[in-house]
Amino acid sequence: ACPKLKTIHDDSAGAIAVFPGLALTLRFDVRRCSGENRCAKLGGSSRLLVAGLFRFESMVPFTDIRFSSRAEKSIAPLRSFVAEPMRFGRLFLAGDAAHIVPPTGAKGLNLAATDVRTLAHALVDFYAGSSLGIDHYSARCLSRIWRAERFSWWFTSITHRFPDSGEFGRKMQESELDYLVHSPAASTVLAENYVGLPLDE
């Protein structure tokens, strides 16, 4: 069974948090998007987010919240990149060497593992006498990668504040989030992509 994960987007803190819903110890992964590339600006984000989470009592069944020392504070660029094709002669690219997704959609590790799985099967077939797998490795992986890139880009665009989006962009974010909450069809699409699309056999 997959671990039960919960994602909380707190607009007052301007942040998104991902944490395991079944863990006894709560570890916050706080992500913020700011026009100023300074770690010092992130000092109180975790406390602001926790304060916002109390509005979601049914989703956060924790009664004892304690703050420990911060393990790490760094800037994670929200960027997307795809190297196409993923094969150059005898060189095969996989994982971050071939593609980068923003962390919002939680797709980086899954895509890397799928690349390796696909390449491993292709190499087994190659040494068994068939080059079909390695010949189609790039196209097969890229089909899945672009779907994940699209989802991660879209999910990032509605859960982070961008300084150049203006009031119109802010209202578009609010409208999109409202549609996701109240539309079963939109919620289904979100869930399907967030959990992960099935592997193409």
C-alpha atoms as a PDB file:
ATOM      1  CA  ALA A   1       0.000   0.000   0.000  1.00  0.00           C
ATOM      2  CA  CYS A   2       1.157   3.541  -0.694  1.00  0.00           C
ATOM      3  CA  PRO A   3       1.890   5.774   2.318  1.00  0.00           C
ATOM      4  CA  LYS A   4      -0.956   8.191   3.041  1.00  0.00           C
ATOM      5  CA  LEU A   5       0.223  11.706   2.222  1.00  0.00           C
ATOM      6  CA  LYS A   6      -1.565  14.969   2.840  1.00  0.00           C
ATOM      7  CA  THR A   7      -0.934  18.291   1.176  1.00  0.00           C
ATOM      8  CA  ILE A   8      -1.997  21.557   2.760  1.00  0.00           C
ATOM      9  CA  HIS A   9      -1.950  24.843   0.884  1.00  0.00           C
ATOM     10  CA  ASP A  10      -2.196  27.777   3.269  1.00  0.00           C
ATOM     11  CA  ASP A  11      -2.725  31.035   1.466  1.00  0.00           C
ATOM     12  CA  SER A  12      -2.109  33.247   4.499  1.00  0.00           C
ATOM     13  CA  ALA A  13       1.417  31.870   4.792  1.00  0.00           C
ATOM     14  CA  GLY A  14       1.935  31.800   1.049  1.00  0.00           C
ATOM     15  CA  ALA A  15       3.227  28.254   1.335  1.00  0.00           C
ATOM     16  CA  ILE A  16       2.500  24.634   0.636  1.00  0.00           C
ATOM     17  CA  ALA A  17       3.301  21.759   2.987  1.00  0.00           C
ATOM     18  CA  VAL A  18       3.503  18.029   2.388  1.00  0.00           C
ATOM     19  CA  PHE A  19       3.528  15.566   5.264  1.00  0.00           C
ATOM     20  CA  PRO A  20       2.779  11.870   5.921  1.00  0.00           C
ATOM     21  CA  GLY A  21      -0.731  11.502   7.304  1.00  0.00           C
ATOM     22  CA  LEU A  22       0.052   8.363   9.299  1.00  0.00           C
ATOM     23  CA  ALA A  23       3.345   9.436  10.872  1.00  0.00           C
ATOM     24  CA  LEU A  24       3.631   9.872  14.638  1.00  0.00           C
ATOM     25  CA  THR A  25       6.176  12.644  14.114  1.00  0.00           C
ATOM     26  CA  LEU A  26       5.170  15.428  11.776  1.00  0.00           C
ATOM     27  CA  ARG A  27       7.829  16.717   9.384  1.00  0.00           C
ATOM     28  CA  PHE A  28       6.907  19.820   7.439  1.00  0.00           C
ATOM     29  CA  ASP A  29       8.285  20.403   3.988  1.00  0.00           C
ATOM     30  CA  VAL A  30       7.493  24.093   3.546  1.00  0.00           C
ATOM     31  CA  ARG A  31       7.805  25.595   0.100  1.00  0.00           C
ATOM     32  CA  ARG A  32       7.414  29.239  -0.747  1.00  0.00           C
ATOM     33  CA  CYS A  33       7.866  31.238  -3.908  1.00  0.00           C
ATOM     34  CA  SER A  34       9.143  34.768  -3.487  1.00  0.00           C
ATOM     35  CA  GLY A  35      10.577  37.413  -5.739  1.00  0.00           C
ATOM     36  CA  GLU A  36      13.441  37.927  -3.300  1.00  0.00           C
ATOM     37  CA  ASN A  37      16.011  35.142  -3.400  1.00  0.00           C
ATOM     38  CA  ARG A  38      16.943  35.376   0.292  1.00  0.00           C
ATOM     39  CA  CYS A  39      16.752  32.527   2.798  1.00  0.00           C
ATOM     40  CA  ALA A  40      16.432  35.008   5.649  1.00  0.00           C
ATOM     41  CA  LYS A  41      12.954  35.882   4.416  1.00  0.00           C
ATOM     42  CA  LEU A  42      11.780  32.323   5.166  1.00  0.00           C
ATOM     43  CA  GLY A  43      12.384  32.500   8.907  1.00  0.00           C
ATOM     44  CA  GLY A  44       8.815  32.265  10.203  1.00  0.00           C
ATOM     45  CA  SER A  45       7.116  30.392   7.384  1.00  0.00           C
ATOM     46  CA  SER A  46       6.815  27.084   9.236  1.00  0.00           C
ATOM     47  CA  ARG A  47       5.144  28.713  12.256  1.00  0.00           C
ATOM     48  CA  LEU A  48       2.769  30.682  10.027  1.00  0.00           C
ATOM     49  CA  LEU A  49       1.828  27.519   8.195  1.00  0.00           C
ATOM     50  CA  VAL A  50       1.206  25.545  11.384  1.00  0.00           C
ATOM     51  CA  ALA A  51      -1.009  28.356  12.629  1.00  0.00           C
ATOM     52  CA  GLY A  52      -2.972  28.155   9.391  1.00  0.00           C
ATOM     53  CA  LEU A  53      -3.334  24.390   9.694  1.00  0.00           C
ATOM     54  CA  PHE A  54      -5.489  24.718  12.799  1.00  0.00           C
ATOM     55  CA  ARG A  55      -8.273  25.752  10.414  1.00  0.00           C
ATOM     56  CA  PHE A  56      -8.185  22.173   9.093  1.00  0.00           C
ATOM     57  CA  GLU A  57      -8.692  20.271  12.351  1.00  0.00           C
ATOM     58  CA  SER A  58     -10.338  17.277  10.665  1.00  0.00           C
ATOM     59  CA  MET A  59      -7.342  16.871   8.379  1.00  0.00           C
ATOM     60  CA  VAL A  60      -4.600  17.327  10.968  1.00  0.00           C
ATOM     61  CA  PRO A  61      -5.215  15.011  13.962  1.00  0.00           C
ATOM     62  CA  PHE A  62      -2.296  16.311  16.005  1.00  0.00           C
ATOM     63  CA  THR A  63      -2.803  17.797  19.462  1.00  0.00           C
ATOM     64  CA  ASP A  64       0.826  18.257  20.534  1.00  0.00           C
ATOM     65  CA  ILE A  65       2.892  20.394  18.160  1.00  0.00           C
ATOM     66  CA  ARG A  66       6.472  21.165  19.122  1.00  0.00           C
ATOM     67  CA  PHE A  67       9.074  23.078  17.170  1.00  0.00           C
ATOM     68  CA  SER A  68      12.597  21.690  16.902  1.00  0.00           C
ATOM     69  CA  SER A  69      15.681  23.261  15.376  1.00  0.00           C
ATOM     70  CA  ARG A  70      15.608  23.727  11.628  1.00  0.00           C
ATOM     71  CA  ALA A  71      17.555  21.018   9.794  1.00  0.00           C
ATOM     72  CA  GLU A  72      17.962  22.933   6.552  1.00  0.00           C
ATOM     73  CA  LYS A  73      17.003  26.221   4.958  1.00  0.00           C
ATOM     74  CA  SER A  74      17.666  26.729   1.274  1.00  0.00           C
ATOM     75  CA  ILE A  75      16.233  28.125  -1.932  1.00  0.00           C
ATOM     76  CA  ALA A  76      14.785  25.534  -4.304  1.00  0.00           C
ATOM     77  CA  PRO A  77      14.294  26.997  -7.789  1.00  0.00           C
ATOM     78  CA  LEU A  78      10.885  26.222  -9.285  1.00  0.00           C
ATOM     79  CA  ARG A  79      11.986  25.334 -12.796  1.00  0.00           C
ATOM     80  CA  SER A  80      11.214  22.883 -15.556  1.00  0.00           C
ATOM     81  CA  PHE A  81      13.620  21.315 -18.056  1.00  0.00           C
ATOM     82  CA  VAL A  82      13.544  18.447 -20.555  1.00  0.00           C
ATOM     83  CA  ALA A  83      16.439  17.146 -22.652  1.00  0.00           C
ATOM     84  CA  GLU A  84      15.121  15.731 -25.896  1.00  0.00           C
ATOM     85  CA  PRO A  85      16.035  13.125 -27.119  1.00  0.00           C
ATOM     86  CA  MET A  86      17.183  11.089 -24.110  1.00  0.00           C
ATOM     87  CA  ARG A  87      19.601   8.971 -26.130  1.00  0.00           C
ATOM     88  CA  PHE A  88      22.773  10.118 -27.842  1.00  0.00           C
ATOM     89  CA  GLY A  89      24.443   7.142 -29.479  1.00  0.00           C
ATOM     90  CA  ARG A  90      25.476   4.810 -26.666  1.00  0.00           C
ATOM     91  CA  LEU A  91      24.656   7.411 -24.009  1.00  0.00           C
ATOM     92  CA  PHE A  92      21.247   7.159 -22.311  1.00  0.00           C
ATOM     93  CA  LEU A  93      19.952   9.920 -20.064  1.00  0.00           C
ATOM     94  CA  ALA A  94      17.719   9.253 -17.060  1.00  0.00           C
ATOM     95  CA  GLY A  95      16.385  11.126 -14.041  1.00  0.00           C
ATOM     96  CA  ASP A  96      17.578  14.677 -13.409  1.00  0.00           C
ATOM     97  CA  ALA A  97      20.106  14.393 -16.241  1.00  0.00           C
ATOM     98  CA  ALA A  98      17.166  14.271 -18.648  1.00  0.00           C
ATOM     99  CA  HIS A  99      14.424  16.269 -16.962  1.00  0.00           C
ATOM    100  CA  ILE A 100      13.710  18.523 -13.990  1.00  0.00           C
ATOM    101  CA  VAL A 101      10.284  19.265 -12.547  1.00  0.00           C
ATOM    102  CA  PRO A 102       9.334  21.711  -9.797  1.00  0.00           C
ATOM    103  CA  PRO A 103       8.912  19.912  -6.449  1.00  0.00           C
ATOM    104  CA  THR A 104       5.247  20.873  -6.118  1.00  0.00           C
ATOM    105  CA  GLY A 105       3.938  17.886  -8.041  1.00  0.00           C
ATOM    106  CA  ALA A 106       6.279  15.370  -6.338  1.00  0.00           C
ATOM    107  CA  LYS A 107       7.208  13.755  -9.665  1.00  0.00           C
ATOM    108  CA  GLY A 108      11.007  13.886  -9.797  1.00  0.00           C
ATOM    109  CA  LEU A 109      11.833  10.596  -8.076  1.00  0.00           C
ATOM    110  CA  ASN A 110       8.922   8.758  -9.702  1.00  0.00           C
ATOM    111  CA  LEU A 111      10.020   9.842 -13.174  1.00  0.00           C
ATOM    112  CA  ALA A 112      13.619   8.860 -12.485  1.00  0.00           C
ATOM    113  CA  ALA A 113      12.615   5.404 -11.250  1.00  0.00           C
ATOM    114  CA  THR A 114      10.419   4.904 -14.312  1.00  0.00           C
ATOM    115  CA  ASP A 115      13.293   5.924 -16.615  1.00  0.00           C
ATOM    116  CA  VAL A 116      15.580   3.377 -14.977  1.00  0.00           C
ATOM    117  CA  ARG A 117      12.935   0.662 -15.111  1.00  0.00           C
ATOM    118  CA  THR A 118      12.301   1.301 -18.802  1.00  0.00           C
ATOM    119  CA  LEU A 119      16.014   1.401 -19.626  1.00  0.00           C
ATOM    120  CA  ALA A 120      16.744  -1.761 -17.626  1.00  0.00           C
ATOM    121  CA  HIS A 121      14.105  -3.724 -19.535  1.00  0.00           C
ATOM    122  CA  ALA A 122      15.411  -2.306 -22.816  1.00  0.00           C
ATOM    123  CA  LEU A 123      18.983  -3.365 -22.033  1.00  0.00           C
ATOM    124  CA  VAL A 124      17.883  -6.866 -21.047  1.00  0.00           C
ATOM    125  CA  ASP A 125      16.104  -7.169 -24.402  1.00  0.00           C
ATOM    126  CA  PHE A 126      19.127  -5.754 -26.234  1.00  0.00           C
ATOM    127  CA  TYR A 127      21.510  -8.342 -24.852  1.00  0.00           C
ATOM    128  CA  ALA A 128      18.921 -10.992 -25.648  1.00  0.00           C
ATOM    129  CA  GLY A 129      19.069  -9.947 -29.293  1.00  0.00           C
ATOM    130  CA  SER A 130      16.417  -7.208 -29.722  1.00  0.00           C
ATOM    131  CA  SER A 131      17.234  -3.482 -30.084  1.00  0.00           C
ATOM    132  CA  LEU A 132      13.584  -2.441 -30.142  1.00  0.00           C
ATOM    133  CA  GLY A 133      13.600  -1.347 -26.487  1.00  0.00           C
ATOM    134  CA  ILE A 134      16.626   0.931 -26.668  1.00  0.00           C
ATOM    135  CA  ASP A 135      15.535   2.303 -30.043  1.00  0.00           C
ATOM    136  CA  HIS A 136      12.232   3.473 -28.525  1.00  0.00           C
ATOM    137  CA  TYR A 137      13.560   4.307 -25.035  1.00  0.00           C
ATOM    138  CA  SER A 138      13.553   8.072 -25.527  1.00  0.00           C
ATOM    139  CA  ALA A 139      10.116   8.331 -27.133  1.00  0.00           C
ATOM    140  CA  ARG A 140       8.558   5.996 -24.583  1.00  0.00           C
ATOM    141  CA  CYS A 141       9.929   7.926 -21.602  1.00  0.00           C
ATOM    142  CA  LEU A 142       9.246  11.383 -23.026  1.00  0.00           C
ATOM    143  CA  SER A 143       5.563  10.665 -23.466  1.00  0.00           C
ATOM    144  CA  ARG A 144       5.248  10.155 -19.712  1.00  0.00           C
ATOM    145  CA  ILE A 145       7.696  12.924 -18.818  1.00  0.00           C
ATOM    146  CA  TRP A 146       5.796  15.625 -20.701  1.00  0.00           C
ATOM    147  CA  ARG A 147       2.560  14.643 -18.963  1.00  0.00           C
ATOM    148  CA  ALA A 148       4.296  14.967 -15.585  1.00  0.00           C
ATOM    149  CA  GLU A 149       5.937  18.254 -16.597  1.00  0.00           C
ATOM    150  CA  ARG A 150       2.539  19.648 -17.578  1.00  0.00           C
ATOM    151  CA  PHE A 151       0.975  18.635 -14.278  1.00  0.00           C
ATOM    152  CA  SER A 152       3.862  19.942 -12.147  1.00  0.00           C
ATOM    153  CA  TRP A 153       3.919  23.247 -14.019  1.00  0.00           C
ATOM    154  CA  TRP A 154       0.141  23.645 -13.633  1.00  0.00           C
ATOM    155  CA  PHE A 155       0.107  22.646  -9.953  1.00  0.00           C
ATOM    156  CA  THR A 156       2.952  25.048  -9.217  1.00  0.00           C
ATOM    157  CA  SER A 157       1.127  27.863 -11.000  1.00  0.00           C
ATOM    158  CA  ILE A 158      -1.942  27.579  -8.749  1.00  0.00           C
ATOM    159  CA  THR A 159      -0.230  26.937  -5.382  1.00  0.00           C
ATOM    160  CA  HIS A 160       2.529  29.563  -5.394  1.00  0.00           C
ATOM    161  CA  ARG A 161       2.487  33.302  -5.549  1.00  0.00           C
ATOM    162  CA  PHE A 162       4.515  34.895  -8.316  1.00  0.00           C
ATOM    163  CA  PRO A 163       5.487  38.566  -8.031  1.00  0.00           C
ATOM    164  CA  ASP A 164       4.814  39.343 -11.701  1.00  0.00           C
ATOM    165  CA  SER A 165       1.344  37.752 -11.900  1.00  0.00           C
ATOM    166  CA  GLY A 166      -0.511  40.799 -10.582  1.00  0.00           C
ATOM    167  CA  GLU A 167      -4.072  40.962  -9.290  1.00  0.00           C
ATOM    168  CA  PHE A 168      -5.485  39.270 -12.385  1.00  0.00           C
ATOM    169  CA  GLY A 169      -3.185  36.287 -11.944  1.00  0.00           C
ATOM    170  CA  ARG A 170      -4.110  36.095  -8.267  1.00  0.00           C
ATOM    171  CA  LYS A 171      -7.818  35.999  -9.070  1.00  0.00           C
ATOM    172  CA  MET A 172      -7.186  33.291 -11.668  1.00  0.00           C
ATOM    173  CA  GLN A 173      -5.460  31.194  -8.997  1.00  0.00           C
ATOM    174  CA  GLU A 174      -8.379  31.610  -6.611  1.00  0.00           C
ATOM    175  CA  SER A 175     -10.875  30.685  -9.322  1.00  0.00           C
ATOM    176  CA  GLU A 176      -8.892  27.578 -10.275  1.00  0.00           C
ATOM    177  CA  LEU A 177      -8.631  26.393  -6.676  1.00  0.00           C
ATOM    178  CA  ASP A 178     -12.345  27.025  -6.139  1.00  0.00           C
ATOM    179  CA  TYR A 179     -13.124  24.942  -9.232  1.00  0.00           C
ATOM    180  CA  LEU A 180     -10.935  22.080  -7.969  1.00  0.00           C
ATOM    181  CA  VAL A 181     -12.717  22.043  -4.620  1.00  0.00           C
ATOM    182  CA  HIS A 182     -16.257  22.068  -6.014  1.00  0.00           C
ATOM    183  CA  SER A 183     -15.954  20.050  -9.225  1.00  0.00           C
ATOM    184  CA  PRO A 184     -15.815  16.220  -8.915  1.00  0.00           C
ATOM    185  CA  ALA A 185     -14.445  16.025 -12.462  1.00  0.00           C
ATOM    186  CA  ALA A 186     -11.600  18.452 -11.729  1.00  0.00           C
ATOM    187  CA  SER A 187     -10.822  16.719  -8.427  1.00  0.00           C
ATOM    188  CA  THR A 188     -10.620  13.372 -10.229  1.00  0.00           C
ATOM    189  CA  VAL A 189      -8.141  14.735 -12.767  1.00  0.00           C
ATOM    190  CA  LEU A 190      -6.028  16.214  -9.974  1.00  0.00           C
ATOM    191  CA  ALA A 191      -6.049  12.952  -8.006  1.00  0.00           C
ATOM    192  CA  GLU A 192      -5.181  10.841 -11.047  1.00  0.00           C
ATOM    193  CA  ASN A 193      -2.169  12.973 -11.919  1.00  0.00           C
ATOM    194  CA  TYR A 194      -1.002  13.543  -8.339  1.00  0.00           C
ATOM    195  CA  VAL A 195      -1.046   9.852  -7.418  1.00  0.00           C
ATOM    196  CA  GLY A 196       0.579   8.947 -10.703  1.00  0.00           C
ATOM    197  CA  LEU A 197      -0.464   7.740 -14.130  1.00  0.00           C
ATOM    198  CA  PRO A 198      -0.239   4.004 -14.861  1.00  0.00           C
ATOM    199  CA  LEU A 199       2.903   2.631 -16.450  1.00  0.00           C
ATOM    200  CA  ASP A 200       2.781   2.054 -20.187  1.00  0.00           C
ATOM    201  CA  GLU A 201       3.594  -1.584 -20.715  1.00  0.00           C
END
